[in-house]
């Protein structure tokens, strides 16, 4: 059976991200999944103890955690090169253990662009699902040029990689439709915490990362102190606006919920929202949270960059400023009728990961990679 060697920053978890979904859906292969972690702290790179044993979270999937890679700006320092070479040696040792010599190398990061030839493989795929500002552009260009196939998660990313590779294919994000559609089922049990909150409830699904611009939500919360704004996820350090969250009694951070618990959270929401992320090249990527909102049949308010032409304008209340976002929240929370709910559900069904996998498998077969 063919093997796929996957290099990814995301960890294999019970709450899968894009790369994990795709790996599980490649047909008739064994997947060896390497979790890549990057640090700018030399001590963590050199001294951090790692569990290098494998785990098998899914049939035909073996996961390893690679020793930390140290990376500063251009990545040309002696410690950076040493840590990358150490990671490549680790990967090759595990591939020898599995007797893999001609696996398909799937790169969900450009970090190893200069080292792919040192990893035994037959066939190379680069999945460009986001922008990579912290890595030199030359790395991504080299990886895209060397790849047999490049998948891109949005039109902007297609334009970004297509000059380096004519065999670039649009493969948007997807959604586990059957999971999130449970939120729209009658009689679903609501999350017990959210069920006690004042209505209307507006929910954000996902992690608050350092680049997420919280000010539109903060303004809406200030204008509507009797509403509840709920973050269904964790808050990472580094966001300059995090401290302001504690000043609002109507903003609630639930923390991470298990995937099976998320439908109950979304069911408790009267509307959902997304905020502006500080990514330019991938600003037109439709994140999986949007499709989750659609599957739950919830009204959606979003903040967009001024130059961006929104997708799904028929079912998303789009804003460019904090003032406009507050108005969009009002419209979303007071939406009437079922027509838009039905349209959202249709969009979500069309975006199910099974459909994305059909595109991926067809492209891989057509290129002789599986």
Protein backbone atom coordinates (compact mmCIF):
# COMPACT_ATOMS: atom_id res chain seq x y z
CA UNK A 1 0.00 0.00 0.00
CA UNK A 2 1.21 3.52 -0.85
CA UNK A 3 2.48 5.66 2.03
CA UNK A 4 1.94 9.38 2.51
CA UNK A 5 4.57 11.30 4.49
CA UNK A 6 2.89 14.39 5.92
CA UNK A 7 4.79 17.35 7.43
CA UNK A 8 2.41 19.70 9.26
CA UNK A 9 2.41 22.31 12.01
CA UNK A 10 -1.00 21.24 13.28
CA UNK A 11 -1.18 18.43 15.80
CA UNK A 12 -3.32 15.37 15.20
CA UNK A 13 -6.19 15.84 17.60
CA UNK A 14 -9.80 15.02 18.37
CA UNK A 15 -10.66 18.43 16.91
CA UNK A 16 -9.20 18.01 13.42
CA UNK A 17 -7.92 20.82 11.24
CA UNK A 18 -7.66 20.90 7.45
CA UNK A 19 -4.55 18.73 7.04
CA UNK A 20 -5.88 16.01 9.32
CA UNK A 21 -9.20 15.86 7.46
CA UNK A 22 -7.41 15.50 4.12
CA UNK A 23 -4.99 12.85 5.38
CA UNK A 24 -7.84 10.69 6.64
CA UNK A 25 -9.55 10.89 3.26
CA UNK A 26 -6.73 9.99 0.87
CA UNK A 27 -7.76 6.68 -0.60
CA UNK A 28 -5.87 3.42 0.00
CA UNK A 29 -2.78 4.79 1.73
CA UNK A 30 -0.90 4.55 5.01
CA UNK A 31 -0.22 7.97 6.51
CA UNK A 32 2.89 8.78 8.53
CA UNK A 33 2.11 12.16 10.08
CA UNK A 34 4.94 14.30 11.49
CA UNK A 35 3.91 17.10 13.87
CA UNK A 36 6.25 20.06 13.43
CA UNK A 37 6.81 22.57 16.23
CA UNK A 38 8.79 25.80 15.85
CA UNK A 39 10.30 27.98 18.56
CA UNK A 40 12.54 31.04 18.72
CA UNK A 41 13.90 29.99 22.11
CA UNK A 42 17.22 28.19 21.80
CA UNK A 43 16.83 26.48 25.17
CA UNK A 44 13.50 24.90 24.18
CA UNK A 45 15.02 23.69 20.94
CA UNK A 46 18.06 22.13 22.58
CA UNK A 47 16.88 20.96 25.98
CA UNK A 48 13.13 20.31 25.72
CA UNK A 49 12.34 16.66 26.28
CA UNK A 50 10.09 15.16 23.67
CA UNK A 51 8.04 12.01 23.46
CA UNK A 52 9.32 10.52 20.23
CA UNK A 53 7.21 7.39 20.39
CA UNK A 54 4.54 6.87 17.78
CA UNK A 55 0.82 6.77 18.31
CA UNK A 56 -1.90 5.44 16.05
CA UNK A 57 -5.01 7.61 16.47
CA UNK A 58 -6.74 6.26 13.38
CA UNK A 59 -6.51 3.12 11.23
CA UNK A 60 -3.61 3.42 8.77
CA UNK A 61 -2.29 6.58 10.49
CA UNK A 62 0.91 6.78 12.54
CA UNK A 63 1.82 10.06 14.23
CA UNK A 64 5.23 11.26 15.42
CA UNK A 65 6.18 14.52 17.11
CA UNK A 66 9.36 15.94 15.60
CA UNK A 67 12.02 17.54 17.86
CA UNK A 68 11.51 21.34 18.06
CA UNK A 69 12.92 23.48 15.27
CA UNK A 70 14.51 26.81 16.14
CA UNK A 71 13.71 29.58 13.66
CA UNK A 72 14.65 33.28 13.62
CA UNK A 73 13.72 35.56 10.71
CA UNK A 74 15.65 34.18 7.71
CA UNK A 75 16.46 30.85 9.37
CA UNK A 76 20.08 30.87 8.20
CA UNK A 77 21.78 30.71 11.60
CA UNK A 78 23.78 27.68 12.72
CA UNK A 79 21.19 26.68 15.35
CA UNK A 80 18.36 26.90 12.80
CA UNK A 81 20.24 24.74 10.30
CA UNK A 82 21.21 22.25 12.99
CA UNK A 83 17.64 21.89 14.25
CA UNK A 84 16.27 21.43 10.73
CA UNK A 85 18.87 18.78 9.94
CA UNK A 86 18.07 17.07 13.23
CA UNK A 87 14.38 17.05 12.26
CA UNK A 88 15.16 15.57 8.83
CA UNK A 89 17.29 12.85 10.45
CA UNK A 90 14.42 12.08 12.84
CA UNK A 91 11.95 11.83 9.96
CA UNK A 92 14.23 9.59 7.88
CA UNK A 93 14.86 7.29 10.83
CA UNK A 94 11.12 6.78 11.31
CA UNK A 95 10.60 6.20 7.60
CA UNK A 96 13.27 3.48 7.67
CA UNK A 97 11.46 1.92 10.62
CA UNK A 98 8.32 1.73 8.43
CA UNK A 99 10.34 0.59 5.36
CA UNK A 100 9.07 3.60 3.40
CA UNK A 101 11.26 4.58 0.44
CA UNK A 102 8.88 5.91 -2.18
CA UNK A 103 6.11 7.62 -0.22
CA UNK A 104 4.20 10.66 -1.37
CA UNK A 105 5.59 13.67 0.51
CA UNK A 106 2.81 16.06 1.55
CA UNK A 107 4.07 19.41 2.85
CA UNK A 108 1.58 21.57 4.74
CA UNK A 109 4.41 23.97 5.59
CA UNK A 110 7.18 25.55 3.48
CA UNK A 111 9.67 25.15 6.32
CA UNK A 112 11.37 22.09 4.77
CA UNK A 113 11.60 23.47 1.22
CA UNK A 114 15.40 23.30 1.19
CA UNK A 115 15.44 19.79 2.67
CA UNK A 116 12.77 17.85 0.75
CA UNK A 117 15.42 16.15 -1.39
CA UNK A 118 16.96 14.73 1.78
CA UNK A 119 13.70 12.94 2.59
CA UNK A 120 13.18 9.85 0.46
CA UNK A 121 9.97 10.22 -1.50
CA UNK A 122 8.32 9.75 -4.86
CA UNK A 123 5.96 12.61 -5.57
CA UNK A 124 5.59 15.95 -3.78
CA UNK A 125 2.45 17.90 -2.84
CA UNK A 126 2.35 21.37 -1.30
CA UNK A 127 -0.91 22.38 0.39
CA UNK A 128 -1.01 26.18 0.55
CA UNK A 129 -3.85 26.74 2.99
CA UNK A 130 -2.62 30.00 4.59
CA UNK A 131 -0.01 32.73 4.25
CA UNK A 132 3.41 32.28 5.87
CA UNK A 133 4.74 35.74 6.69
CA UNK A 134 7.28 34.45 9.19
CA UNK A 135 9.15 32.42 6.56
CA UNK A 136 11.10 33.90 3.61
CA UNK A 137 9.02 34.00 0.44
CA UNK A 138 11.80 32.15 -1.37
CA UNK A 139 11.11 29.05 0.69
CA UNK A 140 7.50 28.82 -0.40
CA UNK A 141 8.37 29.66 -4.01
CA UNK A 142 10.94 26.86 -4.08
CA UNK A 143 8.54 24.33 -2.58
CA UNK A 144 5.73 25.32 -4.96
CA UNK A 145 8.13 25.08 -7.93
CA UNK A 146 9.35 21.61 -6.95
CA UNK A 147 5.89 20.19 -6.19
CA UNK A 148 4.06 17.88 -8.57
CA UNK A 149 0.77 19.39 -7.38
CA UNK A 150 -0.05 22.52 -5.38
CA UNK A 151 -3.38 22.85 -3.62
CA UNK A 152 -4.54 26.36 -2.66
CA UNK A 153 -7.32 27.18 -0.20
CA UNK A 154 -8.51 30.40 -1.90
CA UNK A 155 -8.32 32.46 -5.08
CA UNK A 156 -5.77 34.82 -3.52
CA UNK A 157 -3.56 31.91 -2.57
CA UNK A 158 -3.98 30.50 -6.09
CA UNK A 159 -2.65 33.76 -7.51
CA UNK A 160 0.14 33.60 -4.94
CA UNK A 161 1.45 30.16 -5.92
CA UNK A 162 0.43 29.76 -9.59
CA UNK A 163 3.43 31.73 -10.97
CA UNK A 164 5.64 29.01 -9.46
CA UNK A 165 3.59 26.03 -10.58
CA UNK A 166 1.05 25.68 -13.37
CA UNK A 167 -0.39 22.58 -11.73
CA UNK A 168 -2.12 24.52 -8.93
CA UNK A 169 -5.63 23.44 -7.93
CA UNK A 170 -8.20 25.30 -5.84
CA UNK A 171 -9.12 23.23 -2.77
CA UNK A 172 -11.10 25.35 -0.29
CA UNK A 173 -11.62 24.60 3.37
CA UNK A 174 -14.40 22.21 4.24
CA UNK A 175 -16.65 21.30 7.13
CA UNK A 176 -17.89 18.24 8.97
CA UNK A 177 -21.47 18.94 7.96
CA UNK A 178 -23.09 16.07 9.82
CA UNK A 179 -21.52 17.19 13.10
CA UNK A 180 -22.47 20.86 13.01
CA UNK A 181 -25.88 20.29 11.42
CA UNK A 182 -26.91 18.71 14.73
CA UNK A 183 -27.15 22.26 16.09
CA UNK A 184 -30.17 22.84 13.86
CA UNK A 185 -32.01 19.70 14.97
CA UNK A 186 -35.10 20.19 17.16
CA UNK A 187 -34.66 19.22 20.77
CA UNK A 188 -30.87 19.31 20.86
CA UNK A 189 -29.49 19.78 24.37
CA UNK A 190 -28.04 23.27 24.75
CA UNK A 191 -24.66 23.88 26.35
CA UNK A 192 -25.54 24.23 30.07
CA UNK A 193 -23.43 27.38 30.55
CA UNK A 194 -24.75 29.16 27.49
CA UNK A 195 -28.34 28.18 28.24
CA UNK A 196 -28.21 30.43 31.32
CA UNK A 197 -26.86 33.53 29.56
CA UNK A 198 -28.96 36.58 28.64
CA UNK A 199 -30.24 36.66 25.08
CA UNK A 200 -29.54 37.35 22.34
CA UNK A 201 -26.35 35.29 22.33
CA UNK A 202 -23.73 35.91 19.64
CA UNK A 203 -21.02 33.25 19.38
CA UNK A 204 -17.49 33.06 17.98
CA UNK A 205 -16.18 29.53 17.36
CA UNK A 206 -12.42 29.06 17.52
CA UNK A 207 -9.21 30.15 19.19
CA UNK A 208 -8.53 33.85 19.76
CA UNK A 209 -5.05 34.14 18.24
CA UNK A 210 -2.66 37.11 18.56
CA UNK A 211 -3.66 38.50 15.16
CA UNK A 212 -7.43 38.50 15.74
CA UNK A 213 -8.81 42.05 15.89
CA UNK A 214 -11.22 42.11 18.82
CA UNK A 215 -12.18 45.80 18.75
CA UNK A 216 -15.38 45.36 16.65
CA UNK A 217 -16.70 42.80 19.12
CA UNK A 218 -15.74 45.04 22.05
CA UNK A 219 -17.63 47.96 20.54
CA UNK A 220 -20.72 45.84 19.91
CA UNK A 221 -20.56 44.52 23.48
CA UNK A 222 -20.33 48.07 24.80
CA UNK A 223 -23.30 49.22 22.72
CA UNK A 224 -25.41 46.24 23.83
CA UNK A 225 -24.62 45.50 27.49
CA UNK A 226 -27.72 43.30 27.80
CA UNK A 227 -26.50 40.97 25.01
CA UNK A 228 -24.11 38.03 25.48
CA UNK A 229 -20.97 37.65 23.35
CA UNK A 230 -19.45 34.18 23.73
CA UNK A 231 -16.05 32.89 22.61
CA UNK A 232 -16.30 29.12 22.14
CA UNK A 233 -12.60 28.40 22.33
CA UNK A 234 -9.32 29.32 23.95
CA UNK A 235 -7.57 32.70 24.14
CA UNK A 236 -3.89 32.66 23.24
CA UNK A 237 -1.34 35.00 24.71
CA UNK A 238 -0.01 37.86 22.61
CA UNK A 239 -3.22 39.56 21.52
CA UNK A 240 -2.92 43.21 22.60
CA UNK A 241 -6.67 43.48 23.24
CA UNK A 242 -7.04 40.44 25.50
CA UNK A 243 -6.92 42.43 28.73
CA UNK A 244 -9.92 44.47 27.59
CA UNK A 245 -12.08 41.34 27.56
CA UNK A 246 -12.17 41.39 31.36
CA UNK A 247 -13.73 44.87 31.35
CA UNK A 248 -16.96 43.57 29.83
CA UNK A 249 -19.38 41.55 31.93
CA UNK A 250 -21.28 40.45 28.83
CA UNK A 251 -18.28 38.79 27.11
CA UNK A 252 -17.80 35.14 28.08
CA UNK A 253 -14.85 32.87 27.24
CA UNK A 254 -15.96 29.24 27.44
CA UNK A 255 -12.61 27.68 26.64
CA UNK A 256 -12.10 24.74 24.33
CA UNK A 257 -15.03 22.40 23.86
CA UNK A 258 -14.87 18.86 22.55
CA UNK A 259 -16.20 18.53 18.98
CA UNK A 260 -19.24 16.61 20.25
CA UNK A 261 -20.08 19.56 22.55
CA UNK A 262 -19.86 22.28 19.89
CA UNK A 263 -23.31 21.67 18.32
CA UNK A 264 -24.91 22.34 21.71
CA UNK A 265 -22.97 25.60 21.91
CA UNK A 266 -23.98 26.72 18.43
CA UNK A 267 -27.59 25.73 19.08
CA UNK A 268 -27.64 28.16 22.02
CA UNK A 269 -26.53 31.05 19.79
CA UNK A 270 -28.99 33.42 18.18
CA UNK A 271 -26.29 34.48 15.72
CA UNK A 272 -22.57 33.90 15.12
CA UNK A 273 -19.72 36.14 14.01
CA UNK A 274 -16.19 36.26 12.63
CA UNK A 275 -13.60 38.99 13.05
CA UNK A 276 -10.70 40.32 11.02
CA UNK A 277 -7.51 38.29 11.05
CA UNK A 278 -4.15 39.95 10.38
CA UNK A 279 -3.40 37.86 7.30
CA UNK A 280 -3.27 39.62 3.93
CA UNK A 281 -2.47 36.92 1.37
CA UNK A 282 -5.12 34.57 2.74
CA UNK A 283 -7.77 37.12 3.69
CA UNK A 284 -10.22 35.53 1.24
CA UNK A 285 -9.94 32.06 2.77
CA UNK A 286 -13.39 30.97 3.94
CA UNK A 287 -12.58 29.41 7.29
CA UNK A 288 -14.19 26.22 8.49
CA UNK A 289 -15.94 28.15 11.28
CA UNK A 290 -18.05 29.96 8.66
CA UNK A 291 -19.19 26.66 7.19
CA UNK A 292 -19.90 25.41 10.74
CA UNK A 293 -22.16 28.44 11.28
CA UNK A 294 -23.88 27.66 7.97
CA UNK A 295 -24.42 24.01 8.89
CA UNK A 296 -25.96 25.15 12.20
CA UNK A 297 -28.20 27.49 10.13
CA UNK A 298 -27.18 30.55 12.15
CA UNK A 299 -27.21 34.17 10.96
CA UNK A 300 -23.62 35.39 10.52
CA UNK A 301 -21.97 38.81 10.94
CA UNK A 302 -18.41 39.28 9.68
CA UNK A 303 -15.73 41.97 9.47
CA UNK A 304 -13.82 42.13 6.17
CA UNK A 305 -10.86 44.14 4.83
CA UNK A 306 -12.02 47.08 2.71
CA UNK A 307 -10.47 45.72 -0.49
CA UNK A 308 -12.02 42.26 -0.08
CA UNK A 309 -15.13 41.28 -2.02
CA UNK A 310 -17.03 39.01 0.41
CA UNK A 311 -18.11 35.54 -0.53
CA UNK A 312 -21.68 34.52 0.35
CA UNK A 313 -22.98 38.12 0.59
CA UNK A 314 -26.53 36.75 0.36
CA UNK A 315 -26.30 35.07 3.77
CA UNK A 316 -23.56 36.97 5.63
CA UNK A 317 -23.98 40.44 7.10
CA UNK A 318 -20.63 41.98 6.11
CA UNK A 319 -18.91 44.99 7.65
CA UNK A 320 -15.66 46.90 7.16
CA UNK A 321 -15.65 48.97 10.36
CA UNK A 322 -16.52 48.45 14.02
CA UNK A 323 -19.58 50.68 13.59
CA UNK A 324 -20.81 48.66 10.62
CA UNK A 325 -20.16 45.42 12.50
CA UNK A 326 -22.37 46.54 15.38
CA UNK A 327 -25.18 47.17 12.90
CA UNK A 328 -24.59 43.77 11.29
CA UNK A 329 -24.87 42.10 14.69
CA UNK A 330 -28.24 43.79 15.17
CA UNK A 331 -29.42 42.53 11.78
CA UNK A 332 -28.15 39.01 12.43
CA UNK A 333 -29.67 38.79 15.91
CA UNK A 334 -33.04 39.95 14.56
CA UNK A 335 -33.14 37.94 11.33
CA UNK A 336 -36.57 36.55 10.50
CA UNK A 337 -37.73 33.74 8.24
CA UNK A 338 -36.16 30.47 7.08
CA UNK A 339 -35.03 31.22 3.52
CA UNK A 340 -31.50 32.26 4.44
CA UNK A 341 -31.19 29.35 6.87
CA UNK A 342 -31.95 26.93 4.05
CA UNK A 343 -29.41 28.59 1.76
CA UNK A 344 -26.74 28.45 4.47
CA UNK A 345 -27.39 24.75 5.01
CA UNK A 346 -27.00 24.13 1.27
CA UNK A 347 -23.67 25.98 1.20
CA UNK A 348 -22.47 23.89 4.13
CA UNK A 349 -23.51 20.60 2.50
CA UNK A 350 -21.61 21.59 -0.64
CA UNK A 351 -18.53 22.30 1.48
CA UNK A 352 -18.50 18.98 3.33
CA UNK A 353 -15.02 17.48 3.58
CA UNK A 354 -16.15 14.44 1.61
CA UNK A 355 -16.63 16.66 -1.45
CA UNK A 356 -13.24 18.31 -0.95
CA UNK A 357 -11.70 14.84 -0.68
CA UNK A 358 -13.22 13.82 -4.01
CA UNK A 359 -11.43 16.73 -5.68
CA UNK A 360 -8.15 15.91 -3.92
CA UNK A 361 -8.22 12.20 -4.75
CA UNK A 362 -9.10 12.86 -8.38
CA UNK A 363 -6.19 15.28 -8.78
CA UNK A 364 -3.77 12.89 -7.08
CA UNK A 365 -4.90 10.01 -9.31
CA UNK A 366 -4.74 12.11 -12.47
CA UNK A 367 -1.14 12.99 -11.64
CA UNK A 368 -0.18 9.40 -10.87
CA UNK A 369 0.54 10.15 -7.21
CA UNK A 370 -1.80 7.53 -5.74
